[in-house]
């Protein structure tokens, strides 16, 4: 999956690129002061996302994530 295949979120207050991530949290990791989540998208892709809020494993999510917080492998 390429970064340009992820749907950009339209927001009226910034020109920064945010992406809408929909899926389920499979795993979470703590890297010092930040949280990183492994998310399986509805299409079956696995993404790693840094997100400040604590979210439970197994939760279905819909997040707006800045492009520098998204890791696609």
PDB file of N, CA and C in Angstrom:
ATOM      1  N   UNK A   1       0.845  -1.166   0.000  1.00  0.00           N
ATOM      2  CA  UNK A   1       0.000   0.000   0.000  1.00  0.00           C
ATOM      3  C   UNK A   1       0.889   1.226   0.000  1.00  0.00           C
ATOM      4  N   UNK A   2       0.641   2.136  -0.915  1.00  0.00           N
ATOM      5  CA  UNK A   2       1.400   3.378  -0.978  1.00  0.00           C
ATOM      6  C   UNK A   2       0.683   4.444  -0.154  1.00  0.00           C
ATOM      7  N   UNK A   3       1.437   5.436   0.310  1.00  0.00           N
ATOM      8  CA  UNK A   3       0.850   6.516   1.106  1.00  0.00           C
ATOM      9  C   UNK A   3      -0.229   7.256   0.335  1.00  0.00           C
ATOM     10  N   UNK A   4      -0.113   7.331  -0.996  1.00  0.00           N
ATOM     11  CA  UNK A   4      -1.125   8.051  -1.764  1.00  0.00           C
ATOM     12  C   UNK A   4      -2.408   7.241  -1.947  1.00  0.00           C
ATOM     13  N   UNK A   5      -2.431   5.984  -1.479  1.00  0.00           N
ATOM     14  CA  UNK A   5      -3.648   5.185  -1.511  1.00  0.00           C
ATOM     15  C   UNK A   5      -4.490   5.371  -0.257  1.00  0.00           C
ATOM     16  N   UNK A   6      -3.954   6.074   0.749  1.00  0.00           N
ATOM     17  CA  UNK A   6      -4.688   6.346   1.978  1.00  0.00           C
ATOM     18  C   UNK A   6      -5.482   7.627   1.776  1.00  0.00           C
ATOM     19  N   UNK A   7      -6.731   7.648   2.209  1.00  0.00           N
ATOM     20  CA  UNK A   7      -7.618   8.780   1.959  1.00  0.00           C
ATOM     21  C   UNK A   7      -7.223  10.005   2.780  1.00  0.00           C
ATOM     22  N   UNK A   8      -6.915  11.147   2.138  1.00  0.00           N
ATOM     23  CA  UNK A   8      -6.636  12.366   2.899  1.00  0.00           C
ATOM     24  C   UNK A   8      -7.896  12.875   3.598  1.00  0.00           C
ATOM     25  N   UNK A   9      -7.743  13.367   4.798  1.00  0.00           N
ATOM     26  CA  UNK A   9      -8.855  13.970   5.529  1.00  0.00           C
ATOM     27  C   UNK A   9      -8.893  15.443   5.185  1.00  0.00           C
ATOM     28  N   UNK A  10     -10.061  15.939   4.875  1.00  0.00           N
ATOM     29  CA  UNK A  10     -10.211  17.363   4.581  1.00  0.00           C
ATOM     30  C   UNK A  10     -10.513  18.068   5.895  1.00  0.00           C
ATOM     31  N   UNK A  11      -9.688  19.048   6.235  1.00  0.00           N
ATOM     32  CA  UNK A  11      -9.988  19.849   7.417  1.00  0.00           C
ATOM     33  C   UNK A  11      -9.780  21.306   7.062  1.00  0.00           C
ATOM     34  N   UNK A  12     -10.538  22.180   7.668  1.00  0.00           N
ATOM     35  CA  UNK A  12     -10.549  23.575   7.279  1.00  0.00           C
ATOM     36  C   UNK A  12      -9.517  24.446   7.951  1.00  0.00           C
ATOM     37  N   UNK A  13      -8.732  23.915   8.896  1.00  0.00           N
ATOM     38  CA  UNK A  13      -7.842  24.782   9.659  1.00  0.00           C
ATOM     39  C   UNK A  13      -6.369  24.571   9.381  1.00  0.00           C
ATOM     40  N   UNK A  14      -5.997  23.645   8.529  1.00  0.00           N
ATOM     41  CA  UNK A  14      -4.583  23.414   8.264  1.00  0.00           C
ATOM     42  C   UNK A  14      -4.375  22.887   6.852  1.00  0.00           C
ATOM     43  N   UNK A  15      -3.219  23.161   6.298  1.00  0.00           N
ATOM     44  CA  UNK A  15      -2.876  22.629   4.985  1.00  0.00           C
ATOM     45  C   UNK A  15      -2.019  21.367   5.102  1.00  0.00           C
ATOM     46  N   UNK A  16      -1.679  20.968   6.332  1.00  0.00           N
ATOM     47  CA  UNK A  16      -0.897  19.744   6.536  1.00  0.00           C
ATOM     48  C   UNK A  16      -1.703  18.533   6.100  1.00  0.00           C
ATOM     49  N   UNK A  17      -0.996  17.519   5.610  1.00  0.00           N
ATOM     50  CA  UNK A  17      -1.683  16.306   5.172  1.00  0.00           C
ATOM     51  C   UNK A  17      -1.993  15.409   6.358  1.00  0.00           C
ATOM     52  N   UNK A  18      -3.251  15.107   6.504  1.00  0.00           N
ATOM     53  CA  UNK A  18      -3.717  14.116   7.466  1.00  0.00           C
ATOM     54  C   UNK A  18      -4.363  12.990   6.672  1.00  0.00           C
ATOM     55  N   UNK A  19      -4.322  11.796   7.226  1.00  0.00           N
ATOM     56  CA  UNK A  19      -4.912  10.641   6.570  1.00  0.00           C
ATOM     57  C   UNK A  19      -5.966  10.036   7.478  1.00  0.00           C
ATOM     58  N   UNK A  20      -7.030   9.562   6.878  1.00  0.00           N
ATOM     59  CA  UNK A  20      -8.087   8.891   7.614  1.00  0.00           C
ATOM     60  C   UNK A  20      -7.758   7.405   7.646  1.00  0.00           C
ATOM     61  N   UNK A  21      -7.571   6.872   8.841  1.00  0.00           N
ATOM     62  CA  UNK A  21      -7.231   5.472   9.022  1.00  0.00           C
ATOM     63  C   UNK A  21      -8.432   4.778   9.654  1.00  0.00           C
ATOM     64  N   UNK A  22      -8.943   3.756   8.979  1.00  0.00           N
ATOM     65  CA  UNK A  22     -10.046   2.947   9.507  1.00  0.00           C
ATOM     66  C   UNK A  22      -9.554   1.517   9.628  1.00  0.00           C
ATOM     67  N   UNK A  23      -9.817   0.895  10.767  1.00  0.00           N
ATOM     68  CA  UNK A  23      -9.397  -0.489  10.940  1.00  0.00           C
ATOM     69  C   UNK A  23      -9.533  -0.938  12.374  1.00  0.00           C
ATOM     70  N   UNK A  24      -8.727  -1.933  12.733  1.00  0.00           N
ATOM     71  CA  UNK A  24      -8.758  -2.520  14.074  1.00  0.00           C
ATOM     72  C   UNK A  24      -7.340  -2.545  14.632  1.00  0.00           C
ATOM     73  N   UNK A  25      -7.220  -2.212  15.903  1.00  0.00           N
ATOM     74  CA  UNK A  25      -5.920  -2.238  16.573  1.00  0.00           C
ATOM     75  C   UNK A  25      -5.573  -3.681  16.923  1.00  0.00           C
ATOM     76  N   UNK A  26      -4.475  -4.177  16.349  1.00  0.00           N
ATOM     77  CA  UNK A  26      -4.024  -5.543  16.627  1.00  0.00           C
ATOM     78  C   UNK A  26      -3.045  -5.597  17.786  1.00  0.00           C
ATOM     79  N   UNK A  27      -2.218  -4.565  17.908  1.00  0.00           N
ATOM     80  CA  UNK A  27      -1.162  -4.569  18.916  1.00  0.00           C
ATOM     81  C   UNK A  27      -0.777  -3.133  19.219  1.00  0.00           C
ATOM     82  N   UNK A  28      -0.252  -2.911  20.431  1.00  0.00           N
ATOM     83  CA  UNK A  28       0.257  -1.587  20.763  1.00  0.00           C
ATOM     84  C   UNK A  28       1.605  -1.714  21.443  1.00  0.00           C
ATOM     85  N   UNK A  29       2.444  -0.710  21.209  1.00  0.00           N
ATOM     86  CA  UNK A  29       3.790  -0.686  21.757  1.00  0.00           C
ATOM     87  C   UNK A  29       4.012   0.676  22.413  1.00  0.00           C
ATOM     88  N   UNK A  30       4.834   0.713  23.426  1.00  0.00           N
ATOM     89  CA  UNK A  30       5.196   1.972  24.066  1.00  0.00           C
ATOM     90  C   UNK A  30       6.660   2.242  23.779  1.00  0.00           C
ATOM     91  N   UNK A  31       6.925   3.354  23.122  1.00  0.00           N
ATOM     92  CA  UNK A  31       8.290   3.736  22.759  1.00  0.00           C
ATOM     93  C   UNK A  31       8.657   4.990  23.543  1.00  0.00           C
ATOM     94  N   UNK A  32       9.057   4.794  24.782  1.00  0.00           N
ATOM     95  CA  UNK A  32       9.355   5.946  25.621  1.00  0.00           C
ATOM     96  C   UNK A  32       8.083   6.675  25.989  1.00  0.00           C
ATOM     97  N   UNK A  33       7.937   7.886  25.494  1.00  0.00           N
ATOM     98  CA  UNK A  33       6.767   8.692  25.851  1.00  0.00           C
ATOM     99  C   UNK A  33       5.645   8.619  24.819  1.00  0.00           C
ATOM    100  N   UNK A  34       5.815   7.831  23.749  1.00  0.00           N
ATOM    101  CA  UNK A  34       4.757   7.780  22.735  1.00  0.00           C
ATOM    102  C   UNK A  34       4.239   6.357  22.545  1.00  0.00           C
ATOM    103  N   UNK A  35       3.038   6.286  22.036  1.00  0.00           N
ATOM    104  CA  UNK A  35       2.402   5.003  21.761  1.00  0.00           C
ATOM    105  C   UNK A  35       2.426   4.743  20.260  1.00  0.00           C
ATOM    106  N   UNK A  36       2.678   3.507  19.888  1.00  0.00           N
ATOM    107  CA  UNK A  36       2.630   3.104  18.485  1.00  0.00           C
ATOM    108  C   UNK A  36       1.661   1.924  18.388  1.00  0.00           C
ATOM    109  N   UNK A  37       0.757   2.018  17.431  1.00  0.00           N
ATOM    110  CA  UNK A  37      -0.268   1.002  17.253  1.00  0.00           C
ATOM    111  C   UNK A  37      -0.090   0.287  15.927  1.00  0.00           C
ATOM    112  N   UNK A  38      -0.266  -1.034  15.947  1.00  0.00           N
ATOM    113  CA  UNK A  38      -0.337  -1.808  14.714  1.00  0.00           C
ATOM    114  C   UNK A  38      -1.816  -1.912  14.368  1.00  0.00           C
ATOM    115  N   UNK A  39      -2.178  -1.384  13.206  1.00  0.00           N
ATOM    116  CA  UNK A  39      -3.577  -1.333  12.798  1.00  0.00           C
ATOM    117  C   UNK A  39      -3.747  -2.119  11.504  1.00  0.00           C
ATOM    118  N   UNK A  40      -4.748  -2.995  11.489  1.00  0.00           N
ATOM    119  CA  UNK A  40      -5.113  -3.695  10.261  1.00  0.00           C
ATOM    120  C   UNK A  40      -6.282  -2.942   9.647  1.00  0.00           C
ATOM    121  N   UNK A  41      -6.099  -2.462   8.421  1.00  0.00           N
ATOM    122  CA  UNK A  41      -7.144  -1.683   7.761  1.00  0.00           C
ATOM    123  C   UNK A  41      -8.259  -2.598   7.279  1.00  0.00           C
ATOM    124  N   UNK A  42      -9.368  -1.977   6.884  1.00  0.00           N
ATOM    125  CA  UNK A  42     -10.503  -2.733   6.363  1.00  0.00           C
ATOM    126  C   UNK A  42     -10.125  -3.508   5.107  1.00  0.00           C
ATOM    127  N   UNK A  43      -9.098  -3.020   4.383  1.00  0.00           N
ATOM    128  CA  UNK A  43      -8.632  -3.680   3.162  1.00  0.00           C
ATOM    129  C   UNK A  43      -7.625  -4.788   3.448  1.00  0.00           C
ATOM    130  N   UNK A  44      -7.239  -4.965   4.720  1.00  0.00           N
ATOM    131  CA  UNK A  44      -6.309  -6.019   5.093  1.00  0.00           C
ATOM    132  C   UNK A  44      -4.853  -5.606   5.151  1.00  0.00           C
ATOM    133  N   UNK A  45      -4.546  -4.320   5.022  1.00  0.00           N
ATOM    134  CA  UNK A  45      -3.172  -3.836   5.112  1.00  0.00           C
ATOM    135  C   UNK A  45      -2.808  -3.589   6.576  1.00  0.00           C
ATOM    136  N   UNK A  46      -1.530  -3.744   6.899  1.00  0.00           N
ATOM    137  CA  UNK A  46      -1.047  -3.471   8.249  1.00  0.00           C
ATOM    138  C   UNK A  46      -0.272  -2.161   8.246  1.00  0.00           C
ATOM    139  N   UNK A  47      -0.652  -1.263   9.151  1.00  0.00           N
ATOM    140  CA  UNK A  47      -0.003   0.039   9.290  1.00  0.00           C
ATOM    141  C   UNK A  47       0.493   0.194  10.717  1.00  0.00           C
ATOM    142  N   UNK A  48       1.569   0.951  10.894  1.00  0.00           N
ATOM    143  CA  UNK A  48       2.008   1.367  12.221  1.00  0.00           C
ATOM    144  C   UNK A  48       1.721   2.851  12.334  1.00  0.00           C
ATOM    145  N   UNK A  49       1.069   3.239  13.434  1.00  0.00           N
ATOM    146  CA  UNK A  49       0.643   4.619  13.621  1.00  0.00           C
ATOM    147  C   UNK A  49       1.046   5.085  15.009  1.00  0.00           C
ATOM    148  N   UNK A  50       1.706   6.245  15.089  1.00  0.00           N
ATOM    149  CA  UNK A  50       1.969   6.889  16.374  1.00  0.00           C
ATOM    150  C   UNK A  50       0.762   7.752  16.704  1.00  0.00           C
ATOM    151  N   UNK A  51       0.199   7.557  17.897  1.00  0.00           N
ATOM    152  CA  UNK A  51      -0.987   8.305  18.304  1.00  0.00           C
ATOM    153  C   UNK A  51      -0.882   8.571  19.793  1.00  0.00           C
ATOM    154  N   UNK A  52      -1.222   9.789  20.211  1.00  0.00           N
ATOM    155  CA  UNK A  52      -1.014  10.212  21.592  1.00  0.00           C
ATOM    156  C   UNK A  52      -1.985   9.560  22.576  1.00  0.00           C
ATOM    157  N   UNK A  53      -3.227   9.341  22.164  1.00  0.00           N
ATOM    158  CA  UNK A  53      -4.235   8.806  23.077  1.00  0.00           C
ATOM    159  C   UNK A  53      -4.056   7.308  23.279  1.00  0.00           C
ATOM    160  N   UNK A  54      -4.463   6.834  24.464  1.00  0.00           N
ATOM    161  CA  UNK A  54      -4.414   5.400  24.731  1.00  0.00           C
ATOM    162  C   UNK A  54      -5.679   4.752  24.183  1.00  0.00           C
ATOM    163  N   UNK A  55      -5.502   3.729  23.364  1.00  0.00           N
ATOM    164  CA  UNK A  55      -6.613   3.014  22.742  1.00  0.00           C
ATOM    165  C   UNK A  55      -6.473   1.529  23.056  1.00  0.00           C
ATOM    166  N   UNK A  56      -7.585   0.828  23.318  1.00  0.00           N
ATOM    167  CA  UNK A  56      -7.488  -0.593  23.659  1.00  0.00           C
ATOM    168  C   UNK A  56      -7.235  -1.481  22.443  1.00  0.00           C
ATOM    169  N   UNK A  57      -6.464  -2.535  22.642  1.00  0.00           N
ATOM    170  CA  UNK A  57      -6.239  -3.532  21.601  1.00  0.00           C
ATOM    171  C   UNK A  57      -7.566  -4.188  21.252  1.00  0.00           C
ATOM    172  N   UNK A  58      -7.788  -4.430  19.954  1.00  0.00           N
ATOM    173  CA  UNK A  58      -9.027  -5.041  19.486  1.00  0.00           C
ATOM    174  C   UNK A  58     -10.112  -4.046  19.123  1.00  0.00           C
ATOM    175  N   UNK A  59      -9.884  -2.774  19.399  1.00  0.00           N
ATOM    176  CA  UNK A  59     -10.888  -1.741  19.135  1.00  0.00           C
ATOM    177  C   UNK A  59     -10.916  -1.385  17.644  1.00  0.00           C
ATOM    178  N   UNK A  60     -12.129  -1.248  17.095  1.00  0.00           N
ATOM    179  CA  UNK A  60     -12.294  -0.706  15.748  1.00  0.00           C
ATOM    180  C   UNK A  60     -12.123   0.801  15.845  1.00  0.00           C
ATOM    181  N   UNK A  61     -11.314   1.371  14.959  1.00  0.00           N
ATOM    182  CA  UNK A  61     -10.985   2.789  15.066  1.00  0.00           C
ATOM    183  C   UNK A  61     -11.174   3.513  13.744  1.00  0.00           C
ATOM    184  N   UNK A  62     -11.275   4.818  13.865  1.00  0.00           N
ATOM    185  CA  UNK A  62     -11.290   5.737  12.730  1.00  0.00           C
ATOM    186  C   UNK A  62     -10.508   6.955  13.211  1.00  0.00           C
ATOM    187  N   UNK A  63      -9.270   7.123  12.717  1.00  0.00           N
ATOM    188  CA  UNK A  63      -8.371   8.164  13.205  1.00  0.00           C
ATOM    189  C   UNK A  63      -7.952   9.101  12.091  1.00  0.00           C
ATOM    190  N   UNK A  64      -7.743  10.356  12.434  1.00  0.00           N
ATOM    191  CA  UNK A  64      -7.100  11.317  11.552  1.00  0.00           C
ATOM    192  C   UNK A  64      -5.649  11.419  12.014  1.00  0.00           C
ATOM    193  N   UNK A  65      -4.716  11.037  11.136  1.00  0.00           N
ATOM    194  CA  UNK A  65      -3.309  10.944  11.515  1.00  0.00           C
ATOM    195  C   UNK A  65      -2.470  11.787  10.565  1.00  0.00           C
ATOM    196  N   UNK A  66      -1.563  12.606  11.123  1.00  0.00           N
ATOM    197  CA  UNK A  66      -0.651  13.393  10.299  1.00  0.00           C
ATOM    198  C   UNK A  66       0.315  12.450   9.591  1.00  0.00           C
ATOM    199  N   UNK A  67       0.726  12.818   8.391  1.00  0.00           N
ATOM    200  CA  UNK A  67       1.560  11.935   7.560  1.00  0.00           C
ATOM    201  C   UNK A  67       2.864  11.516   8.220  1.00  0.00           C
ATOM    202  N   UNK A  68       3.431  12.327   9.116  1.00  0.00           N
ATOM    203  CA  UNK A  68       4.693  11.932   9.750  1.00  0.00           C
ATOM    204  C   UNK A  68       4.494  10.982  10.927  1.00  0.00           C
ATOM    205  N   UNK A  69       3.254  10.605  11.217  1.00  0.00           N
ATOM    206  CA  UNK A  69       2.953   9.646  12.286  1.00  0.00           C
ATOM    207  C   UNK A  69       2.521   8.292  11.732  1.00  0.00           C
ATOM    208  N   UNK A  70       2.562   8.133  10.403  1.00  0.00           N
ATOM    209  CA  UNK A  70       2.083   6.929   9.735  1.00  0.00           C
ATOM    210  C   UNK A  70       3.254   6.197   9.091  1.00  0.00           C
ATOM    211  N   UNK A  71       3.373   4.898   9.376  1.00  0.00           N
ATOM    212  CA  UNK A  71       4.446   4.071   8.831  1.00  0.00           C
ATOM    213  C   UNK A  71       3.816   2.919   8.067  1.00  0.00           C
ATOM    214  N   UNK A  72       4.127   2.808   6.784  1.00  0.00           N
ATOM    215  CA  UNK A  72       3.548   1.776   5.931  1.00  0.00           C
ATOM    216  C   UNK A  72       4.652   0.801   5.560  1.00  0.00           C
ATOM    217  N   UNK A  73       4.411  -0.489   5.834  1.00  0.00           N
ATOM    218  CA  UNK A  73       5.404  -1.524   5.530  1.00  0.00           C
ATOM    219  C   UNK A  73       4.828  -2.512   4.556  1.00  0.00           C
TER     220      UNK A  73
END
